[in-house]
N, C-alpha and C. Protein backbone atom coordinates (compact mmCIF):
# COMPACT_ATOMS: atom_id res chain seq x y z
N MET A 1 116.81 69.79 136.41
CA MET A 1 115.93 70.94 136.36
C MET A 1 116.57 72.09 135.59
N PHE A 2 117.80 72.46 136.00
CA PHE A 2 118.48 73.55 135.32
C PHE A 2 118.79 73.18 133.87
N ASN A 3 119.13 71.92 133.65
CA ASN A 3 119.44 71.44 132.31
C ASN A 3 118.22 71.58 131.39
N GLU A 4 117.04 71.30 131.89
CA GLU A 4 115.81 71.44 131.10
C GLU A 4 115.56 72.90 130.71
N ILE A 5 115.82 73.81 131.64
CA ILE A 5 115.62 75.24 131.36
C ILE A 5 116.59 75.70 130.27
N VAL A 6 117.83 75.26 130.35
CA VAL A 6 118.83 75.63 129.34
C VAL A 6 118.44 75.08 127.98
N ILE A 7 117.98 73.84 127.94
CA ILE A 7 117.57 73.23 126.68
C ILE A 7 116.36 73.96 126.10
N LYS A 8 115.37 74.29 126.93
CA LYS A 8 114.19 75.02 126.45
C LYS A 8 114.57 76.40 125.94
N ALA A 9 115.50 77.07 126.62
CA ALA A 9 115.95 78.39 126.17
C ALA A 9 116.67 78.29 124.84
N LYS A 10 117.51 77.25 124.68
CA LYS A 10 118.23 77.08 123.41
C LYS A 10 117.26 76.78 122.28
N VAL A 11 116.28 75.93 122.52
CA VAL A 11 115.28 75.60 121.49
C VAL A 11 114.48 76.84 121.12
N ALA A 12 114.09 77.63 122.11
CA ALA A 12 113.33 78.86 121.83
C ALA A 12 114.18 79.85 121.04
N ALA A 13 115.46 79.98 121.38
CA ALA A 13 116.35 80.88 120.64
C ALA A 13 116.54 80.40 119.21
N ASP A 14 116.72 79.11 119.02
CA ASP A 14 116.87 78.56 117.67
C ASP A 14 115.61 78.79 116.83
N ASN A 15 114.46 78.58 117.43
CA ASN A 15 113.20 78.81 116.72
C ASN A 15 113.05 80.27 116.34
N PHE A 16 113.44 81.17 117.22
CA PHE A 16 113.34 82.60 116.94
C PHE A 16 114.26 82.99 115.78
N VAL A 17 115.48 82.48 115.78
CA VAL A 17 116.44 82.82 114.72
C VAL A 17 116.00 82.25 113.38
N ASN A 18 115.41 81.07 113.37
CA ASN A 18 115.02 80.42 112.12
C ASN A 18 113.63 80.80 111.63
N ASP A 19 112.91 81.63 112.36
CA ASP A 19 111.55 82.02 111.98
C ASP A 19 111.62 83.02 110.82
N GLN A 20 111.01 82.69 109.69
CA GLN A 20 111.06 83.52 108.49
C GLN A 20 109.70 84.09 108.12
N ARG A 21 108.72 84.04 109.01
CA ARG A 21 107.36 84.43 108.66
C ARG A 21 107.22 85.89 108.28
N GLY A 22 107.91 86.80 108.94
CA GLY A 22 107.72 88.22 108.67
C GLY A 22 108.67 88.79 107.64
N VAL A 23 109.63 87.99 107.20
CA VAL A 23 110.66 88.49 106.30
C VAL A 23 110.07 88.90 104.96
N THR A 24 109.17 88.13 104.41
CA THR A 24 108.60 88.43 103.10
C THR A 24 107.82 89.74 103.14
N ALA A 25 107.07 89.97 104.17
CA ALA A 25 106.31 91.21 104.28
C ALA A 25 107.24 92.41 104.35
N ILE A 26 108.33 92.28 105.08
CA ILE A 26 109.29 93.37 105.17
C ILE A 26 109.95 93.62 103.82
N GLU A 27 110.28 92.56 103.09
CA GLU A 27 110.89 92.72 101.77
C GLU A 27 109.94 93.44 100.82
N TYR A 28 108.67 93.06 100.82
CA TYR A 28 107.70 93.74 99.97
C TYR A 28 107.53 95.20 100.37
N ALA A 29 107.59 95.49 101.64
CA ALA A 29 107.48 96.88 102.10
C ALA A 29 108.66 97.71 101.61
N VAL A 30 109.86 97.16 101.68
CA VAL A 30 111.05 97.87 101.20
C VAL A 30 110.97 98.09 99.70
N ILE A 31 110.53 97.10 98.95
CA ILE A 31 110.38 97.25 97.50
C ILE A 31 109.32 98.29 97.18
N GLY A 32 108.22 98.29 97.92
CA GLY A 32 107.16 99.29 97.71
C GLY A 32 107.65 100.70 97.96
N VAL A 33 108.43 100.89 99.01
CA VAL A 33 108.98 102.22 99.30
C VAL A 33 109.93 102.65 98.20
N ALA A 34 110.76 101.74 97.71
CA ALA A 34 111.70 102.07 96.64
C ALA A 34 110.98 102.46 95.36
N VAL A 35 109.95 101.71 94.99
CA VAL A 35 109.19 102.02 93.78
C VAL A 35 108.46 103.35 93.94
N SER A 36 107.90 103.60 95.10
CA SER A 36 107.21 104.87 95.34
C SER A 36 108.18 106.04 95.24
N ALA A 37 109.36 105.89 95.81
CA ALA A 37 110.36 106.95 95.73
C ALA A 37 110.77 107.20 94.29
N LEU A 38 110.92 106.14 93.52
CA LEU A 38 111.29 106.29 92.11
C LEU A 38 110.20 107.00 91.33
N VAL A 39 108.95 106.60 91.52
CA VAL A 39 107.83 107.23 90.82
C VAL A 39 107.72 108.70 91.20
N LEU A 40 107.84 109.00 92.48
CA LEU A 40 107.77 110.40 92.92
C LEU A 40 108.92 111.22 92.35
N THR A 41 110.10 110.63 92.28
CA THR A 41 111.25 111.35 91.73
C THR A 41 111.04 111.64 90.25
N VAL A 42 110.51 110.68 89.51
CA VAL A 42 110.33 110.86 88.07
C VAL A 42 109.22 111.86 87.78
N PHE A 43 108.10 111.76 88.47
CA PHE A 43 106.94 112.58 88.12
C PHE A 43 106.85 113.89 88.90
N ALA A 44 107.45 113.99 90.07
CA ALA A 44 107.33 115.21 90.86
C ALA A 44 108.28 116.30 90.38
N THR A 45 109.40 115.91 89.81
CA THR A 45 110.33 116.91 89.29
C THR A 45 109.84 117.39 87.94
N ASN A 46 110.32 118.51 87.52
CA ASN A 46 109.93 119.04 86.21
C ASN A 46 110.82 118.44 85.13
N GLY A 47 110.82 117.15 85.06
CA GLY A 47 111.65 116.45 84.09
C GLY A 47 110.93 116.27 82.77
N GLY A 48 111.61 115.67 81.84
CA GLY A 48 111.08 115.49 80.50
C GLY A 48 109.99 114.45 80.41
N LEU A 49 109.98 113.47 81.29
CA LEU A 49 108.99 112.40 81.19
C LEU A 49 107.59 112.90 81.48
N GLY A 50 107.43 113.68 82.54
CA GLY A 50 106.11 114.22 82.87
C GLY A 50 105.58 115.13 81.77
N THR A 51 106.46 115.96 81.25
CA THR A 51 106.08 116.87 80.16
C THR A 51 105.72 116.09 78.90
N ALA A 52 106.50 115.07 78.59
CA ALA A 52 106.23 114.26 77.39
C ALA A 52 104.89 113.54 77.51
N LEU A 53 104.59 113.01 78.68
CA LEU A 53 103.30 112.34 78.86
C LEU A 53 102.14 113.32 78.75
N THR A 54 102.29 114.49 79.34
CA THR A 54 101.24 115.51 79.25
C THR A 54 101.01 115.91 77.81
N ASP A 55 102.09 116.13 77.07
CA ASP A 55 101.97 116.50 75.65
C ASP A 55 101.31 115.38 74.84
N ALA A 56 101.67 114.13 75.13
CA ALA A 56 101.10 113.01 74.39
C ALA A 56 99.60 112.90 74.65
N PHE A 57 99.18 113.04 75.90
CA PHE A 57 97.76 112.96 76.20
C PHE A 57 96.99 114.14 75.61
N THR A 58 97.63 115.29 75.57
CA THR A 58 96.98 116.46 74.95
C THR A 58 96.79 116.23 73.46
N LYS A 59 97.80 115.69 72.79
CA LYS A 59 97.69 115.41 71.35
C LYS A 59 96.61 114.36 71.08
N ILE A 60 96.55 113.33 71.91
CA ILE A 60 95.53 112.29 71.74
C ILE A 60 94.14 112.88 71.94
N SER A 61 93.99 113.69 72.96
CA SER A 61 92.70 114.31 73.24
C SER A 61 92.27 115.23 72.11
N THR A 62 93.21 115.99 71.57
CA THR A 62 92.91 116.89 70.46
C THR A 62 92.52 116.09 69.22
N ALA A 63 93.22 114.99 68.95
CA ALA A 63 92.92 114.17 67.78
C ALA A 63 91.55 113.51 67.92
N ILE A 64 91.17 113.12 69.11
CA ILE A 64 89.86 112.49 69.31
C ILE A 64 88.74 113.50 69.10
N LYS A 65 88.95 114.73 69.57
CA LYS A 65 87.93 115.77 69.45
C LYS A 65 87.76 116.23 68.01
N ALA A 66 88.80 116.08 67.18
CA ALA A 66 88.73 116.58 65.80
C ALA A 66 87.98 115.65 64.88
C-alpha cells in the first residue's frame, strides 16, 4: 500500500518536471516584453530615429502634394 503511494508520487513528480506545455508561451511572452521595451526606448526618447522618420514622412507627404 505505502509502496504504491510512493510510486504514484514519484510518477506524478516526474510528469510535473518533464511537462513542457507552458514553456513556449512563457518564452513568447518574454520575447514580446523585450521587443516592446526596445520599441518604446527607441521611439519614446527624443532620439534621432524618431526625428528621422518624421522628417522622411513629411518630405514624402510634401512631394506627393506637389
